[in-house]
């Protein structure tokens, strides 16, 4: 370890944060809904990335302060050692900056995935509402079909009964007309033949 600031550089500068949010999360994002364990993995990854971001920012700030500081030691050997240390730490700054950008990109990606998951949950809730509404409509349609079938059956029965009643009515009308005709015919016969009337009275 060189100098007092070498420990500040975290050992994670070579890490690619987006690797944390790769296969399982991306696969889950392609299907309807995101499993709870995937969401938990994203949140844990966010916590890790936030911690890494803070470590890298602190390291970058400390290295920048150290590299920009002036040598105040009177010993030439110590000044030379500090200059070497500054050069060594300056080489780390671009690496830490690049890693910090990757970490920020990973955080942005995780936020996008969380937002996407919430959007999918909203869509699923709306889809569930539509499915329930369709189910109610289907049940209502089945009920209406049953009612229509029952009504048609009753209508056919009533039509049959009405037709039978019409036949009976016509038969009764015919019988009444026939009876009227018989009465009228008997009256005419009596007028033409009085003896027939006497005979009928005798029979009574």
N, C-alpha and C. Protein backbone atom coordinates (compact mmCIF):
# COMPACT_ATOMS: atom_id res chain seq x y z
N UNK A 1 0.86 -1.19 0.00
CA UNK A 1 0.00 0.00 0.00
C UNK A 1 0.89 1.24 0.00
N UNK A 2 0.58 2.17 -0.87
CA UNK A 2 1.40 3.36 -1.01
C UNK A 2 0.66 4.56 -0.43
N UNK A 3 1.27 5.23 0.52
CA UNK A 3 0.71 6.46 1.07
C UNK A 3 -0.51 6.20 1.90
N UNK A 4 -1.10 7.32 2.35
CA UNK A 4 -2.27 7.23 3.21
C UNK A 4 -3.59 7.19 2.45
N UNK A 5 -3.54 7.42 1.11
CA UNK A 5 -4.77 7.54 0.34
C UNK A 5 -5.02 6.36 -0.58
N UNK A 6 -4.12 5.42 -0.59
CA UNK A 6 -4.30 4.30 -1.50
C UNK A 6 -5.51 3.45 -1.12
N UNK A 7 -5.82 3.38 0.17
CA UNK A 7 -6.94 2.55 0.62
C UNK A 7 -8.28 3.13 0.23
N UNK A 8 -8.30 4.42 -0.14
CA UNK A 8 -9.57 5.08 -0.45
C UNK A 8 -10.16 4.52 -1.73
N UNK A 9 -9.33 4.13 -2.66
CA UNK A 9 -9.82 3.61 -3.93
C UNK A 9 -10.49 2.27 -3.68
N UNK A 10 -11.78 2.13 -3.88
CA UNK A 10 -12.47 0.88 -3.58
C UNK A 10 -12.06 -0.22 -4.54
N UNK A 11 -12.12 -1.45 -4.11
CA UNK A 11 -11.70 -2.55 -4.97
C UNK A 11 -12.74 -2.94 -6.00
N UNK A 12 -13.79 -2.09 -6.19
CA UNK A 12 -14.87 -2.44 -7.10
C UNK A 12 -14.81 -1.65 -8.40
N UNK A 13 -13.69 -0.99 -8.67
CA UNK A 13 -13.67 -0.11 -9.83
C UNK A 13 -13.76 -0.91 -11.13
N UNK A 14 -13.44 -2.19 -11.09
CA UNK A 14 -13.51 -3.02 -12.29
C UNK A 14 -14.90 -3.63 -12.50
N UNK A 15 -15.82 -3.40 -11.55
CA UNK A 15 -17.14 -4.02 -11.60
C UNK A 15 -18.02 -3.33 -12.64
N UNK A 16 -18.78 -4.12 -13.39
CA UNK A 16 -19.77 -3.59 -14.31
C UNK A 16 -21.14 -3.70 -13.64
N UNK A 17 -21.70 -2.60 -13.17
CA UNK A 17 -22.94 -2.66 -12.39
C UNK A 17 -24.11 -3.23 -13.16
N UNK A 18 -24.12 -3.02 -14.48
CA UNK A 18 -25.26 -3.52 -15.25
C UNK A 18 -25.32 -5.03 -15.26
N UNK A 19 -24.19 -5.69 -14.95
CA UNK A 19 -24.21 -7.15 -14.88
C UNK A 19 -25.10 -7.64 -13.75
N UNK A 20 -25.27 -6.79 -12.74
CA UNK A 20 -26.11 -7.19 -11.60
C UNK A 20 -27.56 -7.32 -12.03
N UNK A 21 -27.96 -6.55 -13.04
CA UNK A 21 -29.37 -6.48 -13.45
C UNK A 21 -29.59 -7.12 -14.81
N UNK A 22 -28.98 -8.27 -15.05
CA UNK A 22 -29.02 -8.79 -16.40
C UNK A 22 -30.12 -9.81 -16.65
N UNK A 23 -29.74 -11.09 -16.70
CA UNK A 23 -30.57 -12.13 -17.31
C UNK A 23 -31.96 -12.24 -16.71
N UNK A 24 -32.04 -12.47 -15.41
CA UNK A 24 -33.33 -12.75 -14.78
C UNK A 24 -34.27 -11.55 -14.87
N UNK A 25 -33.72 -10.38 -14.63
CA UNK A 25 -34.55 -9.17 -14.64
C UNK A 25 -35.06 -8.87 -16.04
N UNK A 26 -34.18 -8.95 -17.02
CA UNK A 26 -34.57 -8.65 -18.40
C UNK A 26 -35.60 -9.66 -18.90
N UNK A 27 -35.41 -10.92 -18.53
CA UNK A 27 -36.38 -11.93 -18.93
C UNK A 27 -37.74 -11.67 -18.30
N UNK A 28 -37.74 -11.30 -17.03
CA UNK A 28 -39.01 -11.02 -16.34
C UNK A 28 -39.69 -9.79 -16.91
N UNK A 29 -38.90 -8.84 -17.41
CA UNK A 29 -39.48 -7.62 -17.97
C UNK A 29 -40.19 -7.88 -19.28
N UNK A 30 -39.88 -9.01 -19.92
CA UNK A 30 -40.48 -9.30 -21.21
C UNK A 30 -41.82 -10.01 -21.07
N UNK A 31 -42.14 -10.49 -19.88
CA UNK A 31 -43.41 -11.18 -19.67
C UNK A 31 -44.34 -10.28 -18.89
N UNK A 32 -45.63 -10.63 -18.94
CA UNK A 32 -46.61 -9.83 -18.22
C UNK A 32 -46.44 -10.04 -16.72
N UNK A 33 -46.08 -9.00 -16.05
CA UNK A 33 -45.89 -9.09 -14.61
C UNK A 33 -44.45 -9.36 -14.26
N UNK A 34 -44.06 -8.92 -13.10
CA UNK A 34 -42.71 -9.15 -12.62
C UNK A 34 -42.79 -9.85 -11.28
N UNK A 35 -42.16 -11.03 -11.17
CA UNK A 35 -42.22 -11.77 -9.90
C UNK A 35 -41.66 -10.96 -8.75
N UNK A 36 -42.16 -11.26 -7.57
CA UNK A 36 -41.75 -10.50 -6.39
C UNK A 36 -40.27 -10.69 -6.09
N UNK A 37 -39.73 -11.90 -6.34
CA UNK A 37 -38.32 -12.11 -6.05
C UNK A 37 -37.43 -11.33 -7.00
N UNK A 38 -37.93 -11.07 -8.21
CA UNK A 38 -37.16 -10.25 -9.16
C UNK A 38 -37.15 -8.80 -8.70
N UNK A 39 -38.31 -8.32 -8.23
CA UNK A 39 -38.35 -6.95 -7.70
C UNK A 39 -37.41 -6.81 -6.51
N UNK A 40 -37.42 -7.83 -5.65
CA UNK A 40 -36.53 -7.79 -4.49
C UNK A 40 -35.07 -7.77 -4.93
N UNK A 41 -34.76 -8.52 -5.98
CA UNK A 41 -33.38 -8.52 -6.50
C UNK A 41 -33.00 -7.15 -7.03
N UNK A 42 -33.93 -6.49 -7.70
CA UNK A 42 -33.65 -5.15 -8.23
C UNK A 42 -33.42 -4.17 -7.09
N UNK A 43 -34.26 -4.25 -6.07
CA UNK A 43 -34.09 -3.33 -4.93
C UNK A 43 -32.77 -3.57 -4.21
N UNK A 44 -32.41 -4.84 -4.05
CA UNK A 44 -31.12 -5.14 -3.42
C UNK A 44 -29.97 -4.63 -4.29
N UNK A 45 -30.11 -4.79 -5.61
CA UNK A 45 -29.08 -4.29 -6.51
C UNK A 45 -28.99 -2.77 -6.43
N UNK A 46 -30.13 -2.11 -6.29
CA UNK A 46 -30.11 -0.65 -6.14
C UNK A 46 -29.36 -0.24 -4.88
N UNK A 47 -29.58 -0.96 -3.79
CA UNK A 47 -28.87 -0.64 -2.55
C UNK A 47 -27.37 -0.83 -2.72
N UNK A 48 -26.98 -1.92 -3.39
CA UNK A 48 -25.56 -2.16 -3.64
C UNK A 48 -24.96 -1.06 -4.51
N UNK A 49 -25.70 -0.69 -5.55
CA UNK A 49 -25.20 0.35 -6.46
C UNK A 49 -25.12 1.70 -5.76
N UNK A 50 -26.08 2.01 -4.91
CA UNK A 50 -26.02 3.26 -4.16
C UNK A 50 -24.81 3.29 -3.25
N UNK A 51 -24.54 2.16 -2.59
CA UNK A 51 -23.36 2.09 -1.73
C UNK A 51 -22.08 2.24 -2.54
N UNK A 52 -22.02 1.58 -3.69
CA UNK A 52 -20.85 1.70 -4.56
C UNK A 52 -20.69 3.13 -5.06
N UNK A 53 -21.81 3.76 -5.39
CA UNK A 53 -21.74 5.14 -5.87
C UNK A 53 -21.15 6.06 -4.81
N UNK A 54 -21.62 5.90 -3.57
CA UNK A 54 -21.08 6.72 -2.49
C UNK A 54 -19.59 6.46 -2.28
N UNK A 55 -19.19 5.18 -2.31
CA UNK A 55 -17.77 4.85 -2.14
C UNK A 55 -16.92 5.46 -3.25
N UNK A 56 -17.39 5.36 -4.47
CA UNK A 56 -16.63 5.91 -5.60
C UNK A 56 -16.57 7.43 -5.54
N UNK A 57 -17.70 8.06 -5.17
CA UNK A 57 -17.69 9.53 -5.06
C UNK A 57 -16.73 9.99 -3.96
N UNK A 58 -16.76 9.29 -2.83
CA UNK A 58 -15.83 9.64 -1.75
C UNK A 58 -14.38 9.43 -2.18
N UNK A 59 -14.12 8.31 -2.84
CA UNK A 59 -12.77 8.03 -3.31
C UNK A 59 -12.31 9.07 -4.33
N UNK A 60 -13.22 9.42 -5.24
CA UNK A 60 -12.87 10.40 -6.27
C UNK A 60 -12.60 11.76 -5.64
N UNK A 61 -13.42 12.15 -4.66
CA UNK A 61 -13.21 13.43 -3.99
C UNK A 61 -11.88 13.44 -3.23
N UNK A 62 -11.59 12.35 -2.52
CA UNK A 62 -10.34 12.28 -1.75
C UNK A 62 -9.13 12.28 -2.65
N UNK A 63 -9.20 11.54 -3.75
CA UNK A 63 -8.06 11.50 -4.68
C UNK A 63 -7.85 12.85 -5.34
N UNK A 64 -8.94 13.51 -5.71
CA UNK A 64 -8.80 14.84 -6.33
C UNK A 64 -8.19 15.83 -5.35
N UNK A 65 -8.63 15.77 -4.10
CA UNK A 65 -8.06 16.66 -3.08
C UNK A 65 -6.59 16.37 -2.85
N UNK A 66 -6.25 15.10 -2.80
CA UNK A 66 -4.86 14.73 -2.58
C UNK A 66 -3.97 15.13 -3.76
N UNK A 67 -4.46 14.89 -4.97
CA UNK A 67 -3.65 15.20 -6.15
C UNK A 67 -3.50 16.71 -6.35
N UNK A 68 -4.44 17.50 -5.88
CA UNK A 68 -4.37 18.95 -6.04
C UNK A 68 -3.67 19.64 -4.88
N UNK A 69 -3.35 18.89 -3.86
CA UNK A 69 -2.66 19.49 -2.70
C UNK A 69 -1.19 19.76 -3.03
N UNK A 70 -0.63 20.76 -2.35
CA UNK A 70 0.78 21.12 -2.55
C UNK A 70 1.64 20.43 -1.50
N UNK A 71 2.85 20.10 -1.91
CA UNK A 71 3.79 19.46 -1.00
C UNK A 71 4.36 20.50 -0.04
N UNK A 72 4.18 20.26 1.25
CA UNK A 72 4.68 21.20 2.27
C UNK A 72 5.79 20.61 3.12
N UNK A 73 6.24 19.43 2.73
CA UNK A 73 7.29 18.79 3.52
C UNK A 73 8.67 19.33 3.09
N UNK A 74 9.55 19.46 4.06
CA UNK A 74 10.90 19.97 3.78
C UNK A 74 11.82 18.90 3.24
N UNK A 75 11.49 17.65 3.47
CA UNK A 75 12.36 16.56 3.02
C UNK A 75 12.14 16.30 1.54
N UNK A 76 13.21 16.36 0.72
CA UNK A 76 13.06 16.11 -0.72
C UNK A 76 12.60 14.69 -1.00
N UNK A 77 13.08 13.74 -0.22
CA UNK A 77 12.67 12.35 -0.46
C UNK A 77 11.17 12.16 -0.23
N UNK A 78 10.66 12.81 0.81
CA UNK A 78 9.23 12.70 1.09
C UNK A 78 8.40 13.38 0.01
N UNK A 79 8.91 14.54 -0.47
CA UNK A 79 8.20 15.22 -1.55
C UNK A 79 8.18 14.36 -2.81
N UNK A 80 9.29 13.71 -3.09
CA UNK A 80 9.35 12.84 -4.27
C UNK A 80 8.39 11.67 -4.13
N UNK A 81 8.31 11.12 -2.93
CA UNK A 81 7.38 10.01 -2.69
C UNK A 81 5.93 10.46 -2.86
N UNK A 82 5.63 11.68 -2.39
CA UNK A 82 4.27 12.20 -2.54
C UNK A 82 3.93 12.47 -4.01
N UNK A 83 4.93 12.95 -4.76
CA UNK A 83 4.70 13.19 -6.18
C UNK A 83 4.41 11.87 -6.90
N UNK A 84 5.13 10.84 -6.55
CA UNK A 84 4.87 9.53 -7.15
C UNK A 84 3.48 9.02 -6.76
N UNK A 85 3.14 9.29 -5.51
CA UNK A 85 1.81 8.88 -5.04
C UNK A 85 0.72 9.62 -5.79
N UNK A 86 0.94 10.92 -6.06
CA UNK A 86 -0.03 11.70 -6.81
C UNK A 86 -0.20 11.15 -8.22
N UNK A 87 0.93 10.85 -8.85
CA UNK A 87 0.86 10.30 -10.21
C UNK A 87 0.11 8.97 -10.21
N UNK A 88 0.39 8.15 -9.21
CA UNK A 88 -0.27 6.84 -9.11
C UNK A 88 -1.78 7.00 -8.91
N UNK A 89 -2.16 7.95 -8.05
CA UNK A 89 -3.59 8.16 -7.79
C UNK A 89 -4.29 8.86 -8.94
N UNK A 90 -3.56 9.73 -9.66
CA UNK A 90 -4.16 10.39 -10.82
C UNK A 90 -4.54 9.37 -11.90
N UNK A 91 -3.77 8.30 -11.97
CA UNK A 91 -4.11 7.26 -12.94
C UNK A 91 -5.39 6.53 -12.55
N UNK A 92 -5.73 6.55 -11.27
CA UNK A 92 -6.94 5.88 -10.81
C UNK A 92 -8.20 6.71 -11.07
N UNK A 93 -8.03 8.03 -11.15
CA UNK A 93 -9.20 8.91 -11.26
C UNK A 93 -10.06 8.58 -12.48
N UNK A 94 -9.48 8.46 -13.71
CA UNK A 94 -10.33 8.11 -14.87
C UNK A 94 -11.03 6.76 -14.71
N UNK A 95 -10.34 5.82 -14.07
CA UNK A 95 -10.94 4.49 -13.87
C UNK A 95 -12.15 4.60 -12.94
N UNK A 96 -11.97 5.37 -11.86
CA UNK A 96 -13.08 5.54 -10.91
C UNK A 96 -14.23 6.30 -11.57
N UNK A 97 -13.90 7.32 -12.37
CA UNK A 97 -14.95 8.08 -13.06
C UNK A 97 -15.74 7.19 -14.02
N UNK A 98 -15.02 6.34 -14.76
CA UNK A 98 -15.70 5.42 -15.68
C UNK A 98 -16.60 4.45 -14.91
N UNK A 99 -16.06 3.93 -13.79
CA UNK A 99 -16.87 3.01 -12.97
C UNK A 99 -18.09 3.72 -12.40
N UNK A 100 -17.92 4.99 -12.02
CA UNK A 100 -19.03 5.77 -11.47
C UNK A 100 -20.13 5.96 -12.52
N UNK A 101 -19.72 6.20 -13.76
CA UNK A 101 -20.71 6.33 -14.83
C UNK A 101 -21.48 5.02 -15.03
N UNK A 102 -20.75 3.91 -14.96
CA UNK A 102 -21.42 2.61 -15.09
C UNK A 102 -22.40 2.37 -13.94
N UNK A 103 -21.98 2.77 -12.75
CA UNK A 103 -22.87 2.62 -11.59
C UNK A 103 -24.13 3.46 -11.76
N UNK A 104 -23.96 4.71 -12.19
CA UNK A 104 -25.11 5.59 -12.41
C UNK A 104 -26.02 5.03 -13.50
N UNK A 105 -25.40 4.47 -14.54
CA UNK A 105 -26.20 3.84 -15.60
C UNK A 105 -27.00 2.65 -15.04
N UNK A 106 -26.34 1.87 -14.19
CA UNK A 106 -27.05 0.75 -13.57
C UNK A 106 -28.22 1.22 -12.71
N UNK A 107 -28.02 2.31 -11.97
CA UNK A 107 -29.11 2.86 -11.16
C UNK A 107 -30.26 3.35 -12.04
N UNK A 108 -29.90 4.01 -13.14
CA UNK A 108 -30.94 4.48 -14.07
C UNK A 108 -31.72 3.29 -14.64
N UNK A 109 -30.98 2.25 -15.02
CA UNK A 109 -31.65 1.06 -15.57
C UNK A 109 -32.58 0.42 -14.54
N UNK A 110 -32.14 0.38 -13.30
CA UNK A 110 -32.98 -0.22 -12.26
C UNK A 110 -34.24 0.61 -12.04
N UNK A 111 -34.11 1.94 -12.10
CA UNK A 111 -35.28 2.80 -11.96
C UNK A 111 -36.26 2.57 -13.11
N UNK A 112 -35.71 2.41 -14.32
CA UNK A 112 -36.56 2.15 -15.48
C UNK A 112 -37.31 0.83 -15.29
N UNK A 113 -36.61 -0.18 -14.79
CA UNK A 113 -37.24 -1.49 -14.59
C UNK A 113 -38.33 -1.43 -13.52
N UNK A 114 -38.06 -0.69 -12.45
CA UNK A 114 -39.08 -0.55 -11.40
C UNK A 114 -40.31 0.18 -11.95
N UNK A 115 -40.06 1.25 -12.71
CA UNK A 115 -41.17 1.99 -13.32
C UNK A 115 -41.95 1.11 -14.28
N UNK A 116 -41.21 0.32 -15.07
CA UNK A 116 -41.85 -0.59 -16.01
C UNK A 116 -42.68 -1.64 -15.28
N UNK A 117 -42.15 -2.14 -14.16
CA UNK A 117 -42.89 -3.13 -13.37
C UNK A 117 -44.19 -2.54 -12.83
N UNK A 118 -44.13 -1.28 -12.35
CA UNK A 118 -45.34 -0.63 -11.86
C UNK A 118 -46.36 -0.45 -12.98
N UNK A 119 -45.85 -0.09 -14.17
CA UNK A 119 -46.74 0.09 -15.32
C UNK A 119 -47.40 -1.24 -15.69
N UNK A 120 -46.61 -2.33 -15.66
CA UNK A 120 -47.16 -3.64 -15.97
C UNK A 120 -48.21 -4.05 -14.93
N UNK A 121 -47.93 -3.75 -13.66
CA UNK A 121 -48.91 -4.06 -12.61
C UNK A 121 -50.21 -3.30 -12.84
N UNK A 122 -50.08 -2.04 -13.26
CA UNK A 122 -51.27 -1.25 -13.56
C UNK A 122 -52.04 -1.87 -14.73
N UNK A 123 -51.31 -2.30 -15.77
CA UNK A 123 -51.97 -2.93 -16.90
C UNK A 123 -52.66 -4.23 -16.49
N UNK A 124 -51.99 -5.00 -15.63
CA UNK A 124 -52.58 -6.25 -15.16
C UNK A 124 -53.86 -5.98 -14.36
N UNK A 125 -53.83 -4.92 -13.55
CA UNK A 125 -55.02 -4.57 -12.77
C UNK A 125 -56.17 -4.19 -13.71
N UNK A 126 -55.86 -3.40 -14.74
CA UNK A 126 -56.89 -3.03 -15.70
C UNK A 126 -57.39 -4.25 -16.47
N UNK A 127 -56.45 -5.14 -16.82
CA UNK A 127 -56.83 -6.36 -17.53
C UNK A 127 -57.74 -7.23 -16.66
N UNK A 128 -57.44 -7.30 -15.37
CA UNK A 128 -58.29 -8.07 -14.46
C UNK A 128 -59.69 -7.48 -14.39
N UNK A 129 -59.76 -6.14 -14.35
CA UNK A 129 -61.07 -5.49 -14.35
C UNK A 129 -61.86 -5.83 -15.61
N UNK A 130 -61.16 -5.79 -16.76
CA UNK A 130 -61.83 -6.10 -18.03
C UNK A 130 -62.29 -7.55 -18.04
N UNK A 131 -61.45 -8.46 -17.53
CA UNK A 131 -61.83 -9.87 -17.49
C UNK A 131 -63.04 -10.10 -16.60
N UNK A 132 -63.06 -9.44 -15.44
CA UNK A 132 -64.22 -9.57 -14.55
C UNK A 132 -65.48 -9.00 -15.21
N UNK A 133 -65.31 -7.87 -15.90
CA UNK A 133 -66.45 -7.27 -16.60
C UNK A 133 -66.95 -8.21 -17.69
N UNK A 134 -66.02 -8.80 -18.44
CA UNK A 134 -66.41 -9.75 -19.49
C UNK A 134 -67.09 -10.98 -18.89
N UNK A 135 -66.60 -11.42 -17.74
CA UNK A 135 -67.22 -12.57 -17.08
C UNK A 135 -68.65 -12.25 -16.67
N UNK A 136 -68.85 -11.04 -16.12
CA UNK A 136 -70.21 -10.64 -15.75
C UNK A 136 -71.11 -10.54 -16.98
N UNK A 137 -70.55 -9.99 -18.07
CA UNK A 137 -71.34 -9.89 -19.30
C UNK A 137 -71.69 -11.27 -19.84
N UNK A 138 -70.73 -12.21 -19.75
CA UNK A 138 -70.99 -13.57 -20.21
C UNK A 138 -72.10 -14.22 -19.39
N UNK A 139 -72.02 -14.06 -18.07
CA UNK A 139 -73.06 -14.63 -17.21
C UNK A 139 -74.42 -13.99 -17.49
N UNK A 140 -74.40 -12.68 -17.70
CA UNK A 140 -75.66 -11.99 -17.99
C UNK A 140 -76.22 -12.44 -19.34
N UNK A 141 -75.32 -12.65 -20.31
CA UNK A 141 -75.76 -13.13 -21.63
C UNK A 141 -76.38 -14.52 -21.53
N UNK A 142 -75.75 -15.40 -20.75
CA UNK A 142 -76.31 -16.75 -20.55
C UNK A 142 -77.68 -16.66 -19.88
N UNK A 143 -77.81 -15.78 -18.90
CA UNK A 143 -79.10 -15.62 -18.23
C UNK A 143 -80.15 -15.11 -19.19
N UNK A 144 -79.78 -14.14 -20.03
CA UNK A 144 -80.72 -13.59 -21.00
C UNK A 144 -81.13 -14.65 -22.02
N UNK A 145 -80.17 -15.50 -22.42
CA UNK A 145 -80.50 -16.58 -23.35
C UNK A 145 -81.49 -17.56 -22.73
N UNK A 146 -81.27 -17.89 -21.47
CA UNK A 146 -82.21 -18.78 -20.77
C UNK A 146 -83.59 -18.15 -20.68
N UNK A 147 -83.61 -16.85 -20.35
CA UNK A 147 -84.89 -16.15 -20.27
C UNK A 147 -85.58 -16.10 -21.63
N UNK A 148 -84.79 -15.87 -22.68
CA UNK A 148 -85.36 -15.83 -24.03
C UNK A 148 -85.92 -17.20 -24.42
N UNK A 149 -85.17 -18.25 -24.09
CA UNK A 149 -85.64 -19.60 -24.40
C UNK A 149 -86.94 -19.90 -23.66
N UNK A 150 -86.99 -19.53 -22.38
CA UNK A 150 -88.20 -19.75 -21.59
C UNK A 150 -89.38 -18.96 -22.17
N UNK A 151 -89.10 -17.70 -22.54
CA UNK A 151 -90.16 -16.85 -23.10
C UNK A 151 -90.66 -17.40 -24.43
N UNK A 152 -89.73 -17.88 -25.26
CA UNK A 152 -90.14 -18.46 -26.54
C UNK A 152 -91.00 -19.71 -26.33
N UNK A 153 -90.61 -20.52 -25.34
CA UNK A 153 -91.41 -21.72 -25.04
C UNK A 153 -92.82 -21.35 -24.59
N UNK A 154 -92.91 -20.35 -23.69
CA UNK A 154 -94.22 -19.90 -23.22
C UNK A 154 -95.03 -19.30 -24.37
N UNK A 155 -94.34 -18.58 -25.26
CA UNK A 155 -95.03 -17.98 -26.40
C UNK A 155 -95.60 -19.06 -27.31
N UNK A 156 -94.81 -20.10 -27.56
CA UNK A 156 -95.30 -21.20 -28.39
C UNK A 156 -96.50 -21.89 -27.74
N UNK A 157 -96.41 -22.09 -26.43
CA UNK A 157 -97.54 -22.71 -25.72
C UNK A 157 -98.78 -21.84 -25.81
N UNK A 158 -98.60 -20.53 -25.62
CA UNK A 158 -99.75 -19.62 -25.67
C UNK A 158 -100.32 -19.54 -27.08
N UNK A 159 -99.43 -19.55 -28.09
CA UNK A 159 -99.92 -19.53 -29.47
C UNK A 159 -100.71 -20.80 -29.78
N UNK A 160 -100.20 -21.93 -29.29
CA UNK A 160 -100.93 -23.19 -29.50
C UNK A 160 -102.29 -23.16 -28.79
N UNK A 161 -102.29 -22.63 -27.56
CA UNK A 161 -103.55 -22.52 -26.82
C UNK A 161 -104.51 -21.57 -27.51
N UNK A 162 -103.96 -20.47 -28.04
CA UNK A 162 -104.80 -19.51 -28.75
C UNK A 162 -105.41 -20.12 -30.00
N UNK A 163 -104.58 -20.89 -30.73
CA UNK A 163 -105.11 -21.54 -31.93
C UNK A 163 -106.21 -22.54 -31.57
N UNK A 164 -106.01 -23.29 -30.49
CA UNK A 164 -107.04 -24.24 -30.05
C UNK A 164 -108.31 -23.51 -29.63
N UNK A 165 -108.13 -22.39 -28.95
CA UNK A 165 -109.29 -21.59 -28.52
C UNK A 165 -110.05 -21.05 -29.73
N UNK A 166 -109.31 -20.62 -30.76
CA UNK A 166 -109.96 -20.11 -31.97
C UNK A 166 -110.78 -21.21 -32.64
N UNK A 167 -110.20 -22.42 -32.66
CA UNK A 167 -110.94 -23.54 -33.26
C UNK A 167 -112.22 -23.82 -32.48
N UNK A 168 -112.09 -23.85 -31.14
CA UNK A 168 -113.28 -24.09 -30.31
C UNK A 168 -114.30 -22.97 -30.47
N UNK A 169 -113.81 -21.74 -30.60
CA UNK A 169 -114.73 -20.61 -30.78
C UNK A 169 -115.50 -20.74 -32.09
N UNK A 170 -114.77 -21.09 -33.15
CA UNK A 170 -115.44 -21.25 -34.44
C UNK A 170 -116.44 -22.40 -34.40
N UNK A 171 -116.05 -23.46 -33.67
CA UNK A 171 -116.97 -24.59 -33.55
C UNK A 171 -118.25 -24.19 -32.80
N UNK A 172 -118.06 -23.43 -31.71
CA UNK A 172 -119.23 -22.96 -30.96
C UNK A 172 -120.09 -22.02 -31.79
N UNK A 173 -119.45 -21.13 -32.54
CA UNK A 173 -120.20 -20.23 -33.40
C UNK A 173 -120.99 -21.01 -34.45
N UNK A 174 -120.33 -22.06 -34.97
CA UNK A 174 -121.02 -22.89 -35.96
C UNK A 174 -122.22 -23.60 -35.34
N UNK A 175 -122.03 -24.10 -34.12
CA UNK A 175 -123.13 -24.78 -33.43
C UNK A 175 -124.26 -23.82 -33.12
N UNK A 176 -123.94 -22.60 -32.73
CA UNK A 176 -124.97 -21.59 -32.47
C UNK A 176 -125.72 -21.24 -33.75
N UNK A 177 -124.95 -21.06 -34.81
CA UNK A 177 -125.60 -20.77 -36.10
C UNK A 177 -126.50 -21.93 -36.53
N UNK A 178 -126.01 -23.14 -36.29
CA UNK A 178 -126.79 -24.32 -36.66
C UNK A 178 -128.07 -24.41 -35.83
N UNK A 179 -127.94 -24.08 -34.53
CA UNK A 179 -129.11 -24.10 -33.66
C UNK A 179 -130.12 -23.05 -34.08
N UNK A 180 -129.60 -21.85 -34.41
CA UNK A 180 -130.50 -20.79 -34.89
C UNK A 180 -131.20 -21.22 -36.17
N UNK A 181 -130.46 -21.90 -37.02
CA UNK A 181 -131.05 -22.36 -38.27
C UNK A 181 -132.14 -23.39 -38.01
N UNK A 182 -131.89 -24.29 -37.05
CA UNK A 182 -132.89 -25.30 -36.71
C UNK A 182 -134.15 -24.65 -36.15
N UNK A 183 -133.98 -23.66 -35.27
CA UNK A 183 -135.14 -22.97 -34.71
C UNK A 183 -135.93 -22.26 -35.80
N UNK A 184 -135.19 -21.60 -36.66
CA UNK A 184 -135.86 -20.88 -37.76
C UNK A 184 -136.58 -21.85 -38.69
N UNK A 185 -135.95 -22.98 -38.93
CA UNK A 185 -136.56 -23.98 -39.82
C UNK A 185 -137.82 -24.58 -39.18
N UNK A 186 -137.76 -24.82 -37.89
CA UNK A 186 -138.93 -25.36 -37.19
C UNK A 186 -140.09 -24.37 -37.20
N UNK A 187 -139.78 -23.10 -37.05
CA UNK A 187 -140.83 -22.07 -37.07
C UNK A 187 -141.52 -22.03 -38.43
N UNK A 188 -140.75 -22.14 -39.46
CA UNK A 188 -141.32 -22.12 -40.81
C UNK A 188 -142.21 -23.35 -41.06
N UNK A 189 -141.76 -24.50 -40.57
CA UNK A 189 -142.55 -25.72 -40.76
C UNK A 189 -143.88 -25.64 -40.00
N UNK A 190 -143.86 -25.03 -38.83
CA UNK A 190 -145.08 -24.90 -38.03
C UNK A 190 -146.09 -23.99 -38.70
N UNK A 191 -145.58 -22.93 -39.26
CA UNK A 191 -146.48 -22.00 -39.93
C UNK A 191 -147.11 -22.65 -41.17
N UNK A 192 -146.33 -23.49 -41.84
CA UNK A 192 -146.84 -24.11 -43.06
C UNK A 192 -147.79 -25.28 -42.74
N UNK A 193 -147.57 -25.95 -41.64
CA UNK A 193 -148.36 -27.14 -41.30
C UNK A 193 -148.82 -27.03 -39.85
N UNK A 194 -150.01 -26.47 -39.58
CA UNK A 194 -150.50 -26.31 -38.20
C UNK A 194 -150.71 -27.62 -37.50
N UNK A 195 -151.08 -28.67 -38.25
CA UNK A 195 -151.29 -29.97 -37.63
C UNK A 195 -150.02 -30.50 -36.98
N UNK A 196 -148.91 -30.12 -37.56
CA UNK A 196 -147.61 -30.53 -36.98
C UNK A 196 -147.43 -29.92 -35.61
N UNK A 197 -147.89 -28.69 -35.47
CA UNK A 197 -147.79 -28.00 -34.19
C UNK A 197 -148.69 -28.67 -33.16
N UNK A 198 -149.92 -29.10 -33.62
CA UNK A 198 -150.83 -29.78 -32.71
C UNK A 198 -150.23 -31.10 -32.27
N UNK A 199 -149.65 -31.76 -33.24
CA UNK A 199 -149.01 -33.06 -32.93
C UNK A 199 -147.90 -32.90 -31.90
N UNK A 200 -147.12 -31.83 -32.02
CA UNK A 200 -146.03 -31.57 -31.07
C UNK A 200 -146.60 -31.28 -29.69
N UNK A 201 -147.72 -30.56 -29.63
CA UNK A 201 -148.33 -30.26 -28.35
C UNK A 201 -148.86 -31.52 -27.70
N UNK A 202 -149.43 -32.42 -28.53
CA UNK A 202 -149.93 -33.68 -27.99
C UNK A 202 -148.79 -34.50 -27.41
N UNK A 203 -147.66 -34.50 -28.11
CA UNK A 203 -146.50 -35.28 -27.67
C UNK A 203 -145.96 -34.73 -26.36
N UNK A 204 -146.11 -33.46 -26.16
CA UNK A 204 -145.64 -32.88 -24.91
C UNK A 204 -146.53 -33.30 -23.76
